[in-house]
Amino acid sequence: MIVASSSSTSKPCLVASSATWILAYAARVKIAVDGFGVHSLRATAATNALEHEADIAKVQEWLGHANIATTRLYDRRKSRPEDSPTFKVAY
């Protein structure tokens, strides 16, 4: 079981429950994109930070990765944006 801290209440929350909430909200607002989920959002946020010159070690710490190689998997700067599930969300 993975537990994260909720910034609004400073109480622990289950990561699985966060994923469930995000997917339920996405369904409610009619986001129906294959591959859309918590990991695609994390990858988008990490890539965005790196595109804006954040240090990869800081992004590693922010994502809670023990190994920087895991953080590099989230770095999608060399990927085509149109291949990202979060890119396909219509606003």
PDB file of N, CA and C in Angstrom:
ATOM      1  N   MET A   1       0.847  -1.179   0.000  1.00  0.00           N
ATOM      2  CA  MET A   1       0.000   0.000   0.000  1.00  0.00           C
ATOM      3  C   MET A   1       0.891   1.240   0.000  1.00  0.00           C
ATOM      4  N   ILE A   2       0.594   2.163  -0.880  1.00  0.00           N
ATOM      5  CA  ILE A   2       1.363   3.404  -0.975  1.00  0.00           C
ATOM      6  C   ILE A   2       0.508   4.526  -0.403  1.00  0.00           C
ATOM      7  N   VAL A   3       1.106   5.315   0.466  1.00  0.00           N
ATOM      8  CA  VAL A   3       0.395   6.416   1.090  1.00  0.00           C
ATOM      9  C   VAL A   3       1.084   7.716   0.729  1.00  0.00           C
ATOM     10  N   ALA A   4       0.299   8.707   0.374  1.00  0.00           N
ATOM     11  CA  ALA A   4       0.832  10.041   0.064  1.00  0.00           C
ATOM     12  C   ALA A   4       0.197  11.038   1.010  1.00  0.00           C
ATOM     13  N   SER A   5       0.797  12.188   1.126  1.00  0.00           N
ATOM     14  CA  SER A   5       0.247  13.227   1.981  1.00  0.00           C
ATOM     15  C   SER A   5      -0.704  14.100   1.185  1.00  0.00           C
ATOM     16  N   SER A   6      -1.866  14.362   1.737  1.00  0.00           N
ATOM     17  CA  SER A   6      -2.822  15.258   1.111  1.00  0.00           C
ATOM     18  C   SER A   6      -2.464  16.684   1.491  1.00  0.00           C
ATOM     19  N   SER A   7      -2.175  17.518   0.501  1.00  0.00           N
ATOM     20  CA  SER A   7      -1.732  18.879   0.800  1.00  0.00           C
ATOM     21  C   SER A   7      -2.830  19.733   1.417  1.00  0.00           C
ATOM     22  N   SER A   8      -4.085  19.422   1.118  1.00  0.00           N
ATOM     23  CA  SER A   8      -5.167  20.255   1.645  1.00  0.00           C
ATOM     24  C   SER A   8      -5.490  19.946   3.101  1.00  0.00           C
ATOM     25  N   THR A   9      -5.261  18.702   3.536  1.00  0.00           N
ATOM     26  CA  THR A   9      -5.611  18.336   4.901  1.00  0.00           C
ATOM     27  C   THR A   9      -4.420  17.905   5.736  1.00  0.00           C
ATOM     28  N   SER A  10      -3.267  17.729   5.101  1.00  0.00           N
ATOM     29  CA  SER A  10      -2.059  17.223   5.754  1.00  0.00           C
ATOM     30  C   SER A  10      -2.273  15.846   6.350  1.00  0.00           C
ATOM     31  N   LYS A  11      -3.280  15.130   5.868  1.00  0.00           N
ATOM     32  CA  LYS A  11      -3.538  13.764   6.305  1.00  0.00           C
ATOM     33  C   LYS A  11      -3.137  12.826   5.175  1.00  0.00           C
ATOM     34  N   PRO A  12      -2.708  11.611   5.537  1.00  0.00           N
ATOM     35  CA  PRO A  12      -2.336  10.675   4.483  1.00  0.00           C
ATOM     36  C   PRO A  12      -3.554  10.245   3.669  1.00  0.00           C
ATOM     37  N   CYS A  13      -3.331   9.990   2.393  1.00  0.00           N
ATOM     38  CA  CYS A  13      -4.387   9.451   1.554  1.00  0.00           C
ATOM     39  C   CYS A  13      -3.798   8.343   0.706  1.00  0.00           C
ATOM     40  N   LEU A  14      -4.580   7.364   0.364  1.00  0.00           N
ATOM     41  CA  LEU A  14      -4.100   6.275  -0.469  1.00  0.00           C
ATOM     42  C   LEU A  14      -3.943   6.753  -1.897  1.00  0.00           C
ATOM     43  N   VAL A  15      -2.826   6.408  -2.503  1.00  0.00           N
ATOM     44  CA  VAL A  15      -2.598   6.795  -3.899  1.00  0.00           C
ATOM     45  C   VAL A  15      -3.662   6.163  -4.778  1.00  0.00           C
ATOM     46  N   ALA A  16      -4.040   4.932  -4.482  1.00  0.00           N
ATOM     47  CA  ALA A  16      -5.072   4.263  -5.271  1.00  0.00           C
ATOM     48  C   ALA A  16      -6.376   5.049  -5.228  1.00  0.00           C
ATOM     49  N   SER A  17      -6.724   5.619  -4.079  1.00  0.00           N
ATOM     50  CA  SER A  17      -7.958   6.391  -4.002  1.00  0.00           C
ATOM     51  C   SER A  17      -7.841   7.686  -4.798  1.00  0.00           C
ATOM     52  N   SER A  18      -6.633   8.252  -4.871  1.00  0.00           N
ATOM     53  CA  SER A  18      -6.420   9.442  -5.694  1.00  0.00           C
ATOM     54  C   SER A  18      -6.620   9.106  -7.163  1.00  0.00           C
ATOM     55  N   ALA A  19      -6.089   7.977  -7.597  1.00  0.00           N
ATOM     56  CA  ALA A  19      -6.247   7.553  -8.984  1.00  0.00           C
ATOM     57  C   ALA A  19      -7.719   7.314  -9.295  1.00  0.00           C
ATOM     58  N   THR A  20      -8.423   6.694  -8.390  1.00  0.00           N
ATOM     59  CA  THR A  20      -9.852   6.438  -8.575  1.00  0.00           C
ATOM     60  C   THR A  20     -10.604   7.746  -8.690  1.00  0.00           C
ATOM     61  N   TRP A  21     -10.274   8.720  -7.848  1.00  0.00           N
ATOM     62  CA  TRP A  21     -10.938  10.022  -7.888  1.00  0.00           C
ATOM     63  C   TRP A  21     -10.682  10.724  -9.214  1.00  0.00           C
ATOM     64  N   ILE A  22      -9.431  10.708  -9.664  1.00  0.00           N
ATOM     65  CA  ILE A  22      -9.078  11.373 -10.920  1.00  0.00           C
ATOM     66  C   ILE A  22      -9.803  10.736 -12.093  1.00  0.00           C
ATOM     67  N   LEU A  23      -9.829   9.414 -12.145  1.00  0.00           N
ATOM     68  CA  LEU A  23     -10.520   8.731 -13.247  1.00  0.00           C
ATOM     69  C   LEU A  23     -12.022   8.964 -13.189  1.00  0.00           C
ATOM     70  N   ALA A  24     -12.598   9.002 -11.997  1.00  0.00           N
ATOM     71  CA  ALA A  24     -14.032   9.274 -11.865  1.00  0.00           C
ATOM     72  C   ALA A  24     -14.348  10.691 -12.324  1.00  0.00           C
ATOM     73  N   TYR A  25     -13.509  11.648 -11.957  1.00  0.00           N
ATOM     74  CA  TYR A  25     -13.723  13.028 -12.383  1.00  0.00           C
ATOM     75  C   TYR A  25     -13.587  13.147 -13.900  1.00  0.00           C
ATOM     76  N   ALA A  26     -12.579  12.480 -14.456  1.00  0.00           N
ATOM     77  CA  ALA A  26     -12.377  12.506 -15.914  1.00  0.00           C
ATOM     78  C   ALA A  26     -13.608  11.957 -16.626  1.00  0.00           C
ATOM     79  N   ALA A  27     -14.185  10.899 -16.100  1.00  0.00           N
ATOM     80  CA  ALA A  27     -15.397  10.335 -16.705  1.00  0.00           C
ATOM     81  C   ALA A  27     -16.561  11.317 -16.577  1.00  0.00           C
ATOM     82  N   ARG A  28     -16.655  11.977 -15.430  1.00  0.00           N
ATOM     83  CA  ARG A  28     -17.749  12.928 -15.203  1.00  0.00           C
ATOM     84  C   ARG A  28     -17.700  14.107 -16.174  1.00  0.00           C
ATOM     85  N   VAL A  29     -16.502  14.568 -16.504  1.00  0.00           N
ATOM     86  CA  VAL A  29     -16.369  15.698 -17.427  1.00  0.00           C
ATOM     87  C   VAL A  29     -16.126  15.222 -18.862  1.00  0.00           C
ATOM     88  N   LYS A  30     -16.351  13.926 -19.067  1.00  0.00           N
ATOM     89  CA  LYS A  30     -16.309  13.311 -20.394  1.00  0.00           C
ATOM     90  C   LYS A  30     -14.930  13.341 -21.059  1.00  0.00           C
ATOM     91  N   ILE A  31     -13.894  13.091 -20.259  1.00  0.00           N
ATOM     92  CA  ILE A  31     -12.560  12.887 -20.826  1.00  0.00           C
ATOM     93  C   ILE A  31     -12.444  11.387 -21.074  1.00  0.00           C
ATOM     94  N   ALA A  32     -12.458  11.010 -22.323  1.00  0.00           N
ATOM     95  CA  ALA A  32     -12.375   9.600 -22.695  1.00  0.00           C
ATOM     96  C   ALA A  32     -11.212   9.428 -23.663  1.00  0.00           C
ATOM     97  N   VAL A  33     -10.023   9.341 -23.138  1.00  0.00           N
ATOM     98  CA  VAL A  33      -8.813   9.224 -23.941  1.00  0.00           C
ATOM     99  C   VAL A  33      -8.061   7.982 -23.478  1.00  0.00           C
ATOM    100  N   ASP A  34      -7.747   7.088 -24.415  1.00  0.00           N
ATOM    101  CA  ASP A  34      -6.963   5.905 -24.067  1.00  0.00           C
ATOM    102  C   ASP A  34      -5.629   6.323 -23.465  1.00  0.00           C
ATOM    103  N   GLY A  35      -5.262   5.706 -22.343  1.00  0.00           N
ATOM    104  CA  GLY A  35      -3.990   5.993 -21.702  1.00  0.00           C
ATOM    105  C   GLY A  35      -4.018   7.147 -20.723  1.00  0.00           C
ATOM    106  N   PHE A  36      -5.141   7.868 -20.643  1.00  0.00           N
ATOM    107  CA  PHE A  36      -5.238   8.988 -19.711  1.00  0.00           C
ATOM    108  C   PHE A  36      -5.344   8.451 -18.292  1.00  0.00           C
ATOM    109  N   GLY A  37      -4.558   9.001 -17.396  1.00  0.00           N
ATOM    110  CA  GLY A  37      -4.607   8.575 -16.007  1.00  0.00           C
ATOM    111  C   GLY A  37      -3.538   9.276 -15.193  1.00  0.00           C
ATOM    112  N   VAL A  38      -3.351   8.792 -14.000  1.00  0.00           N
ATOM    113  CA  VAL A  38      -2.427   9.416 -13.061  1.00  0.00           C
ATOM    114  C   VAL A  38      -1.001   9.434 -13.614  1.00  0.00           C
ATOM    115  N   HIS A  39      -0.549   8.331 -14.204  1.00  0.00           N
ATOM    116  CA  HIS A  39       0.830   8.295 -14.691  1.00  0.00           C
ATOM    117  C   HIS A  39       1.043   9.218 -15.879  1.00  0.00           C
ATOM    118  N   SER A  40       0.047   9.326 -16.749  1.00  0.00           N
ATOM    119  CA  SER A  40       0.217  10.257 -17.877  1.00  0.00           C
ATOM    120  C   SER A  40       0.244  11.697 -17.374  1.00  0.00           C
ATOM    121  N   LEU A  41      -0.527  11.994 -16.329  1.00  0.00           N
ATOM    122  CA  LEU A  41      -0.496  13.334 -15.749  1.00  0.00           C
ATOM    123  C   LEU A  41       0.854  13.605 -15.080  1.00  0.00           C
ATOM    124  N   ARG A  42       1.387  12.608 -14.369  1.00  0.00           N
ATOM    125  CA  ARG A  42       2.701  12.761 -13.731  1.00  0.00           C
ATOM    126  C   ARG A  42       3.787  12.968 -14.782  1.00  0.00           C
ATOM    127  N   ALA A  43       3.727  12.192 -15.869  1.00  0.00           N
ATOM    128  CA  ALA A  43       4.718  12.332 -16.937  1.00  0.00           C
ATOM    129  C   ALA A  43       4.624  13.715 -17.577  1.00  0.00           C
ATOM    130  N   THR A  44       3.408  14.200 -17.782  1.00  0.00           N
ATOM    131  CA  THR A  44       3.218  15.529 -18.361  1.00  0.00           C
ATOM    132  C   THR A  44       3.783  16.604 -17.431  1.00  0.00           C
ATOM    133  N   ALA A  45       3.499  16.484 -16.136  1.00  0.00           N
ATOM    134  CA  ALA A  45       3.998  17.472 -15.170  1.00  0.00           C
ATOM    135  C   ALA A  45       5.527  17.433 -15.092  1.00  0.00           C
ATOM    136  N   ALA A  46       6.103  16.236 -15.070  1.00  0.00           N
ATOM    137  CA  ALA A  46       7.561  16.109 -15.010  1.00  0.00           C
ATOM    138  C   ALA A  46       8.200  16.680 -16.268  1.00  0.00           C
ATOM    139  N   THR A  47       7.652  16.341 -17.419  1.00  0.00           N
ATOM    140  CA  THR A  47       8.177  16.851 -18.683  1.00  0.00           C
ATOM    141  C   THR A  47       8.072  18.369 -18.741  1.00  0.00           C
ATOM    142  N   ASN A  48       6.948  18.901 -18.301  1.00  0.00           N
ATOM    143  CA  ASN A  48       6.762  20.349 -18.287  1.00  0.00           C
ATOM    144  C   ASN A  48       7.805  21.027 -17.396  1.00  0.00           C
ATOM    145  N   ALA A  49       8.051  20.453 -16.228  1.00  0.00           N
ATOM    146  CA  ALA A  49       9.059  21.023 -15.326  1.00  0.00           C
ATOM    147  C   ALA A  49      10.443  20.991 -15.985  1.00  0.00           C
ATOM    148  N   LEU A  50      10.776  19.875 -16.618  1.00  0.00           N
ATOM    149  CA  LEU A  50      12.080  19.751 -17.269  1.00  0.00           C
ATOM    150  C   LEU A  50      12.196  20.685 -18.471  1.00  0.00           C
ATOM    151  N   GLU A  51      11.110  20.878 -19.205  1.00  0.00           N
ATOM    152  CA  GLU A  51      11.116  21.828 -20.323  1.00  0.00           C
ATOM    153  C   GLU A  51      11.376  23.251 -19.848  1.00  0.00           C
ATOM    154  N   HIS A  52      10.999  23.532 -18.604  1.00  0.00           N
ATOM    155  CA  HIS A  52      11.199  24.870 -18.042  1.00  0.00           C
ATOM    156  C   HIS A  52      12.444  24.913 -17.153  1.00  0.00           C
ATOM    157  N   GLU A  53      13.409  24.058 -17.499  1.00  0.00           N
ATOM    158  CA  GLU A  53      14.746  24.053 -16.917  1.00  0.00           C
ATOM    159  C   GLU A  53      14.831  23.646 -15.446  1.00  0.00           C
ATOM    160  N   ALA A  54      13.863  22.855 -14.979  1.00  0.00           N
ATOM    161  CA  ALA A  54      13.978  22.300 -13.630  1.00  0.00           C
ATOM    162  C   ALA A  54      15.101  21.266 -13.630  1.00  0.00           C
ATOM    163  N   ASP A  55      15.811  21.178 -12.538  1.00  0.00           N
ATOM    164  CA  ASP A  55      16.872  20.193 -12.391  1.00  0.00           C
ATOM    165  C   ASP A  55      16.239  18.812 -12.251  1.00  0.00           C
ATOM    166  N   ILE A  56      16.747  17.820 -12.997  1.00  0.00           N
ATOM    167  CA  ILE A  56      16.148  16.482 -12.967  1.00  0.00           C
ATOM    168  C   ILE A  56      16.212  15.864 -11.568  1.00  0.00           C
ATOM    169  N   ALA A  57      17.225  16.211 -10.775  1.00  0.00           N
ATOM    170  CA  ALA A  57      17.313  15.697  -9.403  1.00  0.00           C
ATOM    171  C   ALA A  57      16.164  16.244  -8.549  1.00  0.00           C
ATOM    172  N   LYS A  58      15.774  17.499  -8.798  1.00  0.00           N
ATOM    173  CA  LYS A  58      14.640  18.084  -8.068  1.00  0.00           C
ATOM    174  C   LYS A  58      13.332  17.420  -8.506  1.00  0.00           C
ATOM    175  N   VAL A  59      13.208  17.143  -9.798  1.00  0.00           N
ATOM    176  CA  VAL A  59      12.010  16.463 -10.301  1.00  0.00           C
ATOM    177  C   VAL A  59      11.954  15.052  -9.719  1.00  0.00           C
ATOM    178  N   GLN A  60      13.094  14.390  -9.627  1.00  0.00           N
ATOM    179  CA  GLN A  60      13.167  13.065  -9.014  1.00  0.00           C
ATOM    180  C   GLN A  60      12.647  13.107  -7.579  1.00  0.00           C
ATOM    181  N   GLU A  61      13.112  14.093  -6.829  1.00  0.00           N
ATOM    182  CA  GLU A  61      12.670  14.250  -5.436  1.00  0.00           C
ATOM    183  C   GLU A  61      11.174  14.538  -5.370  1.00  0.00           C
ATOM    184  N   TRP A  62      10.700  15.428  -6.243  1.00  0.00           N
ATOM    185  CA  TRP A  62       9.292  15.809  -6.291  1.00  0.00           C
ATOM    186  C   TRP A  62       8.396  14.597  -6.581  1.00  0.00           C
ATOM    187  N   LEU A  63       8.856  13.727  -7.501  1.00  0.00           N
ATOM    188  CA  LEU A  63       8.070  12.545  -7.853  1.00  0.00           C
ATOM    189  C   LEU A  63       8.244  11.409  -6.849  1.00  0.00           C
ATOM    190  N   GLY A  64       9.249  11.526  -5.984  1.00  0.00           N
ATOM    191  CA  GLY A  64       9.472  10.497  -4.967  1.00  0.00           C
ATOM    192  C   GLY A  64      10.166   9.255  -5.500  1.00  0.00           C
ATOM    193  N   HIS A  65      10.959   9.402  -6.553  1.00  0.00           N
ATOM    194  CA  HIS A  65      11.671   8.266  -7.121  1.00  0.00           C
ATOM    195  C   HIS A  65      12.985   8.028  -6.389  1.00  0.00           C
ATOM    196  N   ALA A  66      13.261   6.776  -6.072  1.00  0.00           N
ATOM    197  CA  ALA A  66      14.515   6.418  -5.422  1.00  0.00           C
ATOM    198  C   ALA A  66      15.669   6.459  -6.414  1.00  0.00           C
ATOM    199  N   ASN A  67      15.386   6.160  -7.671  1.00  0.00           N
ATOM    200  CA  ASN A  67      16.420   6.085  -8.697  1.00  0.00           C
ATOM    201  C   ASN A  67      16.120   7.098  -9.804  1.00  0.00           C
ATOM    202  N   ILE A  68      17.122   7.848 -10.198  1.00  0.00           N
ATOM    203  CA  ILE A  68      16.936   8.871 -11.233  1.00  0.00           C
ATOM    204  C   ILE A  68      16.562   8.254 -12.587  1.00  0.00           C
ATOM    205  N   ALA A  69      16.918   6.981 -12.791  1.00  0.00           N
ATOM    206  CA  ALA A  69      16.554   6.302 -14.043  1.00  0.00           C
ATOM    207  C   ALA A  69      15.027   6.229 -14.180  1.00  0.00           C
ATOM    208  N   THR A  70      14.327   6.079 -13.079  1.00  0.00           N
ATOM    209  CA  THR A  70      12.863   6.069 -13.114  1.00  0.00           C
ATOM    210  C   THR A  70      12.335   7.427 -13.542  1.00  0.00           C
ATOM    211  N   THR A  71      12.940   8.487 -13.039  1.00  0.00           N
ATOM    212  CA  THR A  71      12.532   9.844 -13.415  1.00  0.00           C
ATOM    213  C   THR A  71      12.754  10.070 -14.900  1.00  0.00           C
ATOM    214  N   ARG A  72      13.830   9.533 -15.429  1.00  0.00           N
ATOM    215  CA  ARG A  72      14.097   9.689 -16.867  1.00  0.00           C
ATOM    216  C   ARG A  72      13.010   9.040 -17.713  1.00  0.00           C
ATOM    217  N   LEU A  73      12.356   8.004 -17.203  1.00  0.00           N
ATOM    218  CA  LEU A  73      11.248   7.375 -17.929  1.00  0.00           C
ATOM    219  C   LEU A  73      10.066   8.335 -18.073  1.00  0.00           C
ATOM    220  N   TYR A  74       9.924   9.250 -17.135  1.00  0.00           N
ATOM    221  CA  TYR A  74       8.843  10.224 -17.163  1.00  0.00           C
ATOM    222  C   TYR A  74       9.166  11.424 -18.060  1.00  0.00           C
ATOM    223  N   ASP A  75      10.403  11.544 -18.486  1.00  0.00           N
ATOM    224  CA  ASP A  75      10.836  12.672 -19.324  1.00  0.00           C
ATOM    225  C   ASP A  75      10.452  12.400 -20.768  1.00  0.00           C
ATOM    226  N   ARG A  76       9.445  13.101 -21.242  1.00  0.00           N
ATOM    227  CA  ARG A  76       8.942  12.877 -22.595  1.00  0.00           C
ATOM    228  C   ARG A  76       9.297  14.036 -23.532  1.00  0.00           C
ATOM    229  N   ARG A  77      10.353  14.764 -23.226  1.00  0.00           N
ATOM    230  CA  ARG A  77      10.701  15.920 -24.055  1.00  0.00           C
ATOM    231  C   ARG A  77      11.025  15.526 -25.491  1.00  0.00           C
ATOM    232  N   LYS A  78      11.527  14.346 -25.718  1.00  0.00           N
ATOM    233  CA  LYS A  78      11.883  13.930 -27.073  1.00  0.00           C
ATOM    234  C   LYS A  78      10.730  13.218 -27.777  1.00  0.00           C
ATOM    235  N   SER A  79       9.631  13.015 -27.074  1.00  0.00           N
ATOM    236  CA  SER A  79       8.456  12.386 -27.682  1.00  0.00           C
ATOM    237  C   SER A  79       7.634  13.437 -28.404  1.00  0.00           C
ATOM    238  N   ARG A  80       6.808  12.977 -29.286  1.00  0.00           N
ATOM    239  CA  ARG A  80       5.902  13.894 -29.970  1.00  0.00           C
ATOM    240  C   ARG A  80       4.716  14.185 -29.051  1.00  0.00           C
ATOM    241  N   PRO A  81       4.379  15.436 -28.809  1.00  0.00           N
ATOM    242  CA  PRO A  81       3.277  15.777 -27.904  1.00  0.00           C
ATOM    243  C   PRO A  81       1.962  15.126 -28.317  1.00  0.00           C
ATOM    244  N   GLU A  82       1.725  15.005 -29.607  1.00  0.00           N
ATOM    245  CA  GLU A  82       0.460  14.437 -30.055  1.00  0.00           C
ATOM    246  C   GLU A  82       0.317  12.957 -29.710  1.00  0.00           C
ATOM    247  N   ASP A  83       1.407  12.306 -29.264  1.00  0.00           N
ATOM    248  CA  ASP A  83       1.342  10.918 -28.830  1.00  0.00           C
ATOM    249  C   ASP A  83       0.949  10.795 -27.357  1.00  0.00           C
ATOM    250  N   SER A  84       0.956  11.886 -26.618  1.00  0.00           N
ATOM    251  CA  SER A  84       0.642  11.869 -25.194  1.00  0.00           C
ATOM    252  C   SER A  84      -0.869  11.853 -24.976  1.00  0.00           C
ATOM    253  N   PRO A  85      -1.358  10.975 -24.086  1.00  0.00           N
ATOM    254  CA  PRO A  85      -2.796  10.962 -23.798  1.00  0.00           C
ATOM    255  C   PRO A  85      -3.315  12.309 -23.305  1.00  0.00           C
ATOM    256  N   THR A  86      -2.516  13.033 -22.527  1.00  0.00           N
ATOM    257  CA  THR A  86      -2.999  14.317 -21.998  1.00  0.00           C
ATOM    258  C   THR A  86      -3.080  15.371 -23.098  1.00  0.00           C
ATOM    259  N   PHE A  87      -2.324  15.207 -24.180  1.00  0.00           N
ATOM    260  CA  PHE A  87      -2.381  16.130 -25.301  1.00  0.00           C
ATOM    261  C   PHE A  87      -3.713  16.010 -26.041  1.00  0.00           C
ATOM    262  N   LYS A  88      -4.325  14.826 -25.955  1.00  0.00           N
ATOM    263  CA  LYS A  88      -5.554  14.547 -26.701  1.00  0.00           C
ATOM    264  C   LYS A  88      -6.818  15.027 -25.997  1.00  0.00           C
ATOM    265  N   VAL A  89      -6.698  15.534 -24.780  1.00  0.00           N
ATOM    266  CA  VAL A  89      -7.864  16.023 -24.051  1.00  0.00           C
ATOM    267  C   VAL A  89      -8.334  17.315 -24.666  1.00  0.00           C
ATOM    268  N   ALA A  90      -9.607  17.353 -25.041  1.00  0.00           N
ATOM    269  CA  ALA A  90     -10.175  18.571 -25.636  1.00  0.00           C
ATOM    270  C   ALA A  90     -10.606  19.512 -24.530  1.00  0.00           C
ATOM    271  N   TYR A  91     -10.328  20.779 -24.683  1.00  0.00           N
ATOM    272  CA  TYR A  91     -10.701  21.784 -23.673  1.00  0.00           C
ATOM    273  C   TYR A  91     -11.879  22.583 -24.159  1.00  0.00           C
TER     274      TYR A  91
END
